[in-house]
Amino acid sequence: MIELLFLGAGIGLLSGFLGIGGGTILIPLLLLLGFATKEAIGISIVQMIFSSVYGSYLNNKKGTLDIPLVLTIGVGGFFGALLSGYVAALFSARTLEVIFLAFVIFAIVRMLFIKLHESKEKELNKVYLFLIGAIVGVMSMTIGIGGSIMLVPILVSFLHVELKKAISAGLFFVVFSSVSGLISHFLNGHVDFNSGIIIGFASLFGVYIGIHLKDKVSNVFQKRVLVGFYLLIVIYLINRIFING
């Protein structure tokens, strides 16, 4: 219980500061605690609902959440994530971990080439935004992450969205993907609600602190933290999958 509470608070802090659902780091930590991969994915999704809903509420109050931009992407993510539980049931735990690693490497590559001061934000047809959301939703929820780890680099690198705005949008996207993913994974028997709710409630405290810290640091510093965070996850996953696996 104590471990889960501290874990939830720490994940919430990262979720608010980096705009992630929390699964990117929560899943490896749950695996270290002895949870099975698919069980860890289900717990992660429950926690994401808590952190993403509360974090998006705080971001909206601070005026950093562009609801029209991410709403179409979020709806696409909801429908895409509905398929995630079925897709997860088709693959082994090792395969899911390799997919997870590929996601993180993609995010690092995109973040390294991000230009933080593009002059004009691109506008896309809502159909394209919906498709982006659907693809990110099904792929991310299959491995138990909220999707912002991919969506934030896409928004900043390809659509030239300002970093803090993209981080807020990424967390709001997690609301849609996590609710849908929970439905899908629950129907496939992958969800431990007891552990997920404990971590979820504890994460609310961390989210509050993370949101306030996010608005006090520069975009450059935040980018460095994101890249460093992704690199740590890659090192852990390579060690787990290919060295100690």
Foldseek 3Di string as FASTA:
>chain_A
DVVLLVLLLVLLQCCQQQLWLSLLPQQLVVVVVPDQQLLSLQLSLLLSLLSLVLSLVVCVVVVLEDCVLLVLLLVLLLVLLLCQLVVLVVDDSLVLLVLSLVLLVVLLVLLVPFDQCDPDFADDDSVVSSPNSNVLLNSQSNRRIQRLSPQQSCRRRPRVDHNSSSSSSSSNSSNSSSVSNNVNNVVVPRHDVVSSVSSNVSSSNSSVNNNVVNVVDDPVVSSVVSSVVSVVSNVSSCCVNPPVD
